[in-house]
Amino acid sequence: MLNDVILGKIDLEQLLLRKSTSILFQAGRSPISVPTSIHFEDEFSRRCSIMEIETQDAFGLLYRIARVISRHGHNIEVVMINTEGHRVLDVFYLTYGGHKLTQEMEDALKADLAEVVKPPS
């Protein structure tokens, strides 16, 4: 299946959607709710903007986050993934054209990410 996704024979978006809306997947969802927080830190690194995302774990979450970052044209220099139970705390070191993101870029990215990390209703 992975080869078919890489070769474009299978649409990954549709595959993830089918999986996340299946009856078996819905039955296994956690009753625990983790609030979402997206925070940028621009002083720690001289070269990268650091983005921290804390939210509830979900199937395909990292994929959805990476797609939004890519759609904005940002590069992921380093990523640290941390999942504890149903809570995710991921840290991304991001650049745009080899430089830190501007405040406007951070705001736009944060708004779009807030939409994709929302737990399905």
N, C-alpha and C. Protein backbone atom coordinates (compact mmCIF):
# COMPACT_ATOMS: atom_id res chain seq x y z
N MET A 1 0.82 -1.18 0.00
CA MET A 1 0.00 0.00 0.00
C MET A 1 0.87 1.26 0.00
N LEU A 2 1.97 1.23 0.76
CA LEU A 2 2.86 2.39 0.81
C LEU A 2 3.42 2.70 -0.57
N ASN A 3 3.82 1.67 -1.30
CA ASN A 3 4.32 1.89 -2.66
C ASN A 3 3.26 2.52 -3.54
N ASP A 4 2.02 2.06 -3.42
CA ASP A 4 0.93 2.62 -4.22
C ASP A 4 0.68 4.09 -3.89
N VAL A 5 0.81 4.45 -2.62
CA VAL A 5 0.65 5.86 -2.23
C VAL A 5 1.79 6.68 -2.82
N ILE A 6 3.02 6.19 -2.70
CA ILE A 6 4.18 6.91 -3.22
C ILE A 6 4.07 7.08 -4.74
N LEU A 7 3.60 6.05 -5.43
CA LEU A 7 3.46 6.11 -6.89
C LEU A 7 2.22 6.88 -7.34
N GLY A 8 1.40 7.31 -6.40
CA GLY A 8 0.21 8.07 -6.74
C GLY A 8 -0.97 7.22 -7.19
N LYS A 9 -0.89 5.91 -6.98
CA LYS A 9 -1.99 5.02 -7.37
C LYS A 9 -3.12 5.06 -6.35
N ILE A 10 -2.80 5.44 -5.13
CA ILE A 10 -3.80 5.56 -4.07
C ILE A 10 -3.74 6.99 -3.53
N ASP A 11 -4.90 7.61 -3.38
CA ASP A 11 -4.98 8.97 -2.83
C ASP A 11 -4.91 8.88 -1.31
N LEU A 12 -3.83 9.39 -0.74
CA LEU A 12 -3.61 9.30 0.71
C LEU A 12 -4.70 10.04 1.48
N GLU A 13 -5.14 11.19 0.97
CA GLU A 13 -6.19 11.94 1.65
C GLU A 13 -7.46 11.08 1.81
N GLN A 14 -7.85 10.42 0.76
CA GLN A 14 -9.05 9.58 0.81
C GLN A 14 -8.84 8.36 1.71
N LEU A 15 -7.65 7.80 1.67
CA LEU A 15 -7.34 6.66 2.52
C LEU A 15 -7.44 7.04 4.00
N LEU A 16 -6.88 8.17 4.37
CA LEU A 16 -6.95 8.64 5.76
C LEU A 16 -8.38 8.98 6.15
N LEU A 17 -9.13 9.59 5.24
CA LEU A 17 -10.52 9.93 5.53
C LEU A 17 -11.35 8.68 5.77
N ARG A 18 -11.19 7.68 4.92
CA ARG A 18 -11.94 6.42 5.10
C ARG A 18 -11.60 5.78 6.44
N LYS A 19 -10.32 5.78 6.78
CA LYS A 19 -9.88 5.17 8.04
C LYS A 19 -10.46 5.91 9.24
N SER A 20 -10.37 7.24 9.23
CA SER A 20 -10.79 8.02 10.40
C SER A 20 -12.30 8.08 10.57
N THR A 21 -13.06 7.77 9.54
CA THR A 21 -14.52 7.80 9.65
C THR A 21 -15.13 6.40 9.76
N SER A 22 -14.29 5.38 9.81
CA SER A 22 -14.82 4.02 9.92
C SER A 22 -15.44 3.78 11.29
N ILE A 23 -16.38 2.88 11.35
CA ILE A 23 -17.07 2.57 12.61
C ILE A 23 -16.09 2.04 13.65
N LEU A 24 -15.16 1.20 13.25
CA LEU A 24 -14.18 0.65 14.19
C LEU A 24 -13.29 1.74 14.76
N PHE A 25 -12.88 2.68 13.92
CA PHE A 25 -12.01 3.76 14.40
C PHE A 25 -12.78 4.67 15.36
N GLN A 26 -14.02 5.01 15.02
CA GLN A 26 -14.83 5.89 15.87
C GLN A 26 -15.08 5.26 17.23
N ALA A 27 -15.26 3.94 17.27
CA ALA A 27 -15.52 3.26 18.54
C ALA A 27 -14.31 3.32 19.46
N GLY A 28 -13.11 3.42 18.90
CA GLY A 28 -11.89 3.44 19.70
C GLY A 28 -11.43 4.83 20.09
N ARG A 29 -12.19 5.86 19.73
CA ARG A 29 -11.78 7.23 20.05
C ARG A 29 -11.79 7.48 21.54
N SER A 30 -10.87 8.33 21.95
CA SER A 30 -10.70 8.63 23.37
C SER A 30 -11.75 9.62 23.85
N PRO A 31 -12.30 9.39 25.05
CA PRO A 31 -13.23 10.37 25.63
C PRO A 31 -12.47 11.55 26.25
N ILE A 32 -11.15 11.45 26.32
CA ILE A 32 -10.32 12.50 26.90
C ILE A 32 -10.14 13.62 25.88
N SER A 33 -10.32 14.85 26.31
CA SER A 33 -10.16 16.00 25.43
C SER A 33 -8.93 16.80 25.86
N VAL A 34 -8.05 17.07 24.91
CA VAL A 34 -6.84 17.85 25.17
C VAL A 34 -6.98 19.17 24.41
N PRO A 35 -6.93 20.30 25.11
CA PRO A 35 -7.03 21.59 24.42
C PRO A 35 -5.84 21.83 23.50
N THR A 36 -6.08 22.54 22.41
CA THR A 36 -5.04 22.83 21.44
C THR A 36 -4.34 24.15 21.75
N SER A 37 -3.02 24.12 21.66
CA SER A 37 -2.20 25.31 21.84
C SER A 37 -1.12 25.31 20.76
N ILE A 38 -1.01 26.42 20.03
CA ILE A 38 0.02 26.58 19.01
C ILE A 38 0.81 27.83 19.38
N HIS A 39 2.11 27.65 19.59
CA HIS A 39 2.95 28.74 20.10
C HIS A 39 4.23 28.83 19.27
N PHE A 40 4.65 30.06 18.96
CA PHE A 40 5.91 30.29 18.26
C PHE A 40 6.91 30.93 19.19
N GLU A 41 8.17 30.54 19.04
CA GLU A 41 9.28 31.09 19.83
C GLU A 41 10.36 31.49 18.83
N ASP A 42 10.76 32.76 18.85
CA ASP A 42 11.70 33.24 17.85
C ASP A 42 13.05 33.67 18.40
N GLU A 43 13.28 33.53 19.68
CA GLU A 43 14.53 33.99 20.27
C GLU A 43 15.54 32.86 20.49
N PHE A 44 15.09 31.64 20.66
CA PHE A 44 15.96 30.52 21.02
C PHE A 44 16.94 30.16 19.91
N SER A 45 16.45 30.15 18.66
CA SER A 45 17.30 29.78 17.52
C SER A 45 17.62 31.02 16.69
N ARG A 46 18.87 31.10 16.25
CA ARG A 46 19.25 32.24 15.39
C ARG A 46 18.71 32.10 13.98
N ARG A 47 18.46 30.85 13.54
CA ARG A 47 18.13 30.60 12.14
C ARG A 47 16.69 30.17 11.91
N CYS A 48 16.04 29.59 12.90
CA CYS A 48 14.71 29.00 12.71
C CYS A 48 13.66 29.61 13.63
N SER A 49 12.43 29.59 13.17
CA SER A 49 11.29 29.87 14.04
C SER A 49 10.88 28.53 14.65
N ILE A 50 10.64 28.53 15.93
CA ILE A 50 10.26 27.30 16.61
C ILE A 50 8.77 27.33 16.88
N MET A 51 8.07 26.30 16.42
CA MET A 51 6.64 26.20 16.62
C MET A 51 6.34 24.97 17.48
N GLU A 52 5.59 25.19 18.55
CA GLU A 52 5.15 24.09 19.42
C GLU A 52 3.66 23.91 19.24
N ILE A 53 3.25 22.67 19.03
CA ILE A 53 1.83 22.34 18.93
C ILE A 53 1.50 21.33 20.01
N GLU A 54 0.57 21.69 20.88
CA GLU A 54 0.05 20.76 21.87
C GLU A 54 -1.42 20.55 21.54
N THR A 55 -1.82 19.30 21.38
CA THR A 55 -3.20 19.01 21.02
C THR A 55 -3.51 17.55 21.31
N GLN A 56 -4.72 17.16 21.04
CA GLN A 56 -5.14 15.77 21.21
C GLN A 56 -4.62 14.94 20.05
N ASP A 57 -4.11 13.76 20.35
CA ASP A 57 -3.62 12.87 19.31
C ASP A 57 -4.79 12.42 18.44
N ALA A 58 -4.51 12.24 17.18
CA ALA A 58 -5.53 11.78 16.23
C ALA A 58 -4.85 11.08 15.08
N PHE A 59 -5.58 10.19 14.45
CA PHE A 59 -5.07 9.46 13.30
C PHE A 59 -4.74 10.44 12.18
N GLY A 60 -3.53 10.38 11.65
CA GLY A 60 -3.11 11.23 10.53
C GLY A 60 -2.76 12.65 10.92
N LEU A 61 -2.65 12.93 12.22
CA LEU A 61 -2.40 14.30 12.69
C LEU A 61 -1.08 14.86 12.14
N LEU A 62 -0.01 14.13 12.26
CA LEU A 62 1.29 14.62 11.80
C LEU A 62 1.27 14.88 10.30
N TYR A 63 0.60 14.03 9.56
CA TYR A 63 0.46 14.22 8.11
C TYR A 63 -0.27 15.53 7.81
N ARG A 64 -1.37 15.78 8.51
CA ARG A 64 -2.15 17.00 8.27
C ARG A 64 -1.33 18.25 8.61
N ILE A 65 -0.59 18.20 9.71
CA ILE A 65 0.25 19.33 10.11
C ILE A 65 1.33 19.59 9.05
N ALA A 66 2.01 18.53 8.62
CA ALA A 66 3.09 18.68 7.63
C ALA A 66 2.56 19.22 6.30
N ARG A 67 1.36 18.82 5.92
CA ARG A 67 0.77 19.32 4.66
C ARG A 67 0.52 20.83 4.73
N VAL A 68 0.02 21.29 5.86
CA VAL A 68 -0.24 22.73 6.00
C VAL A 68 1.08 23.51 5.96
N ILE A 69 2.08 23.01 6.66
CA ILE A 69 3.39 23.67 6.65
C ILE A 69 3.93 23.73 5.22
N SER A 70 3.81 22.63 4.50
CA SER A 70 4.28 22.56 3.12
C SER A 70 3.49 23.51 2.21
N ARG A 71 2.19 23.55 2.39
CA ARG A 71 1.35 24.44 1.57
C ARG A 71 1.74 25.90 1.75
N HIS A 72 2.22 26.25 2.93
CA HIS A 72 2.66 27.62 3.19
C HIS A 72 4.06 27.88 2.64
N GLY A 73 4.73 26.84 2.14
CA GLY A 73 6.06 27.00 1.56
C GLY A 73 7.18 27.01 2.57
N HIS A 74 6.89 26.56 3.79
CA HIS A 74 7.90 26.55 4.84
C HIS A 74 8.66 25.23 4.84
N ASN A 75 9.88 25.27 5.30
CA ASN A 75 10.71 24.08 5.38
C ASN A 75 10.80 23.63 6.83
N ILE A 76 10.66 22.34 7.05
CA ILE A 76 10.84 21.76 8.39
C ILE A 76 12.30 21.36 8.50
N GLU A 77 13.06 22.11 9.30
CA GLU A 77 14.48 21.82 9.48
C GLU A 77 14.69 20.68 10.47
N VAL A 78 13.93 20.72 11.57
CA VAL A 78 14.00 19.71 12.63
C VAL A 78 12.59 19.55 13.18
N VAL A 79 12.24 18.34 13.56
CA VAL A 79 10.96 18.13 14.24
C VAL A 79 11.17 17.13 15.37
N MET A 80 10.57 17.44 16.49
CA MET A 80 10.60 16.53 17.64
C MET A 80 9.15 16.15 17.95
N ILE A 81 8.86 14.86 17.87
CA ILE A 81 7.51 14.36 18.04
C ILE A 81 7.40 13.70 19.41
N ASN A 82 6.40 14.11 20.17
CA ASN A 82 6.20 13.54 21.50
C ASN A 82 4.71 13.27 21.71
N THR A 83 4.38 12.02 21.94
CA THR A 83 3.00 11.64 22.21
C THR A 83 2.97 10.91 23.54
N GLU A 84 2.15 11.42 24.44
CA GLU A 84 1.97 10.80 25.76
C GLU A 84 0.49 10.50 25.94
N GLY A 85 0.12 9.25 25.80
CA GLY A 85 -1.29 8.89 25.87
C GLY A 85 -2.04 9.53 24.72
N HIS A 86 -2.99 10.39 25.05
CA HIS A 86 -3.79 11.06 24.02
C HIS A 86 -3.32 12.48 23.76
N ARG A 87 -2.22 12.88 24.39
CA ARG A 87 -1.69 14.24 24.29
C ARG A 87 -0.45 14.25 23.39
N VAL A 88 -0.42 15.21 22.47
CA VAL A 88 0.70 15.38 21.55
C VAL A 88 1.38 16.70 21.86
N LEU A 89 2.70 16.70 21.92
CA LEU A 89 3.47 17.93 21.99
C LEU A 89 4.59 17.81 20.95
N ASP A 90 4.37 18.45 19.81
CA ASP A 90 5.32 18.40 18.70
C ASP A 90 6.00 19.75 18.57
N VAL A 91 7.31 19.72 18.30
CA VAL A 91 8.10 20.95 18.15
C VAL A 91 8.73 20.93 16.76
N PHE A 92 8.47 22.00 16.00
CA PHE A 92 8.97 22.13 14.64
C PHE A 92 9.91 23.32 14.56
N TYR A 93 11.08 23.12 13.96
CA TYR A 93 12.00 24.22 13.64
C TYR A 93 11.75 24.54 12.17
N LEU A 94 11.24 25.74 11.90
CA LEU A 94 10.79 26.09 10.56
C LEU A 94 11.60 27.25 9.97
N THR A 95 11.76 27.21 8.65
CA THR A 95 12.35 28.33 7.92
C THR A 95 11.52 28.59 6.68
N TYR A 96 11.73 29.76 6.11
CA TYR A 96 11.16 30.12 4.82
C TYR A 96 12.28 30.80 4.03
N GLY A 97 12.69 30.16 2.97
CA GLY A 97 13.81 30.71 2.18
C GLY A 97 15.10 30.79 2.97
N GLY A 98 15.27 29.87 3.93
CA GLY A 98 16.49 29.85 4.73
C GLY A 98 16.50 30.80 5.91
N HIS A 99 15.38 31.48 6.16
CA HIS A 99 15.29 32.45 7.25
C HIS A 99 14.11 32.13 8.16
N LYS A 100 14.08 32.82 9.30
CA LYS A 100 12.95 32.69 10.20
C LYS A 100 11.68 33.18 9.53
N LEU A 101 10.55 32.70 10.03
CA LEU A 101 9.26 33.16 9.53
C LEU A 101 8.98 34.56 10.06
N THR A 102 8.26 35.35 9.28
CA THR A 102 7.83 36.66 9.74
C THR A 102 6.62 36.48 10.66
N GLN A 103 6.27 37.51 11.38
CA GLN A 103 5.10 37.45 12.25
C GLN A 103 3.84 37.15 11.44
N GLU A 104 3.73 37.73 10.25
CA GLU A 104 2.57 37.50 9.39
C GLU A 104 2.51 36.03 8.95
N MET A 105 3.65 35.45 8.62
CA MET A 105 3.70 34.04 8.24
C MET A 105 3.28 33.16 9.40
N GLU A 106 3.77 33.47 10.59
CA GLU A 106 3.42 32.69 11.77
C GLU A 106 1.92 32.77 12.04
N ASP A 107 1.35 33.96 11.93
CA ASP A 107 -0.08 34.13 12.19
C ASP A 107 -0.92 33.33 11.19
N ALA A 108 -0.55 33.39 9.91
CA ALA A 108 -1.30 32.66 8.88
C ALA A 108 -1.17 31.15 9.09
N LEU A 109 0.03 30.69 9.40
CA LEU A 109 0.26 29.27 9.64
C LEU A 109 -0.53 28.79 10.85
N LYS A 110 -0.51 29.57 11.91
CA LYS A 110 -1.23 29.22 13.13
C LYS A 110 -2.73 29.10 12.86
N ALA A 111 -3.29 30.01 12.11
CA ALA A 111 -4.72 29.98 11.79
C ALA A 111 -5.08 28.72 11.00
N ASP A 112 -4.29 28.39 10.00
CA ASP A 112 -4.58 27.20 9.19
C ASP A 112 -4.37 25.91 9.98
N LEU A 113 -3.34 25.89 10.82
CA LEU A 113 -3.09 24.69 11.63
C LEU A 113 -4.19 24.48 12.66
N ALA A 114 -4.72 25.56 13.21
CA ALA A 114 -5.79 25.43 14.20
C ALA A 114 -6.99 24.70 13.60
N GLU A 115 -7.21 24.88 12.31
CA GLU A 115 -8.33 24.20 11.65
C GLU A 115 -8.07 22.72 11.46
N VAL A 116 -6.85 22.32 11.11
CA VAL A 116 -6.59 20.91 10.81
C VAL A 116 -6.32 20.06 12.04
N VAL A 117 -6.00 20.68 13.18
CA VAL A 117 -5.74 19.87 14.37
C VAL A 117 -6.99 19.72 15.23
N LYS A 118 -8.09 20.41 14.85
CA LYS A 118 -9.32 20.27 15.61
C LYS A 118 -9.80 18.82 15.55
N PRO A 119 -10.18 18.26 16.69
CA PRO A 119 -10.72 16.90 16.67
C PRO A 119 -11.99 16.85 15.84
N PRO A 120 -12.21 15.78 15.08
CA PRO A 120 -13.43 15.67 14.30
C PRO A 120 -14.66 15.65 15.21
N SER A 121 -15.72 16.29 14.75
CA SER A 121 -16.93 16.33 15.58
C SER A 121 -17.89 15.22 15.25
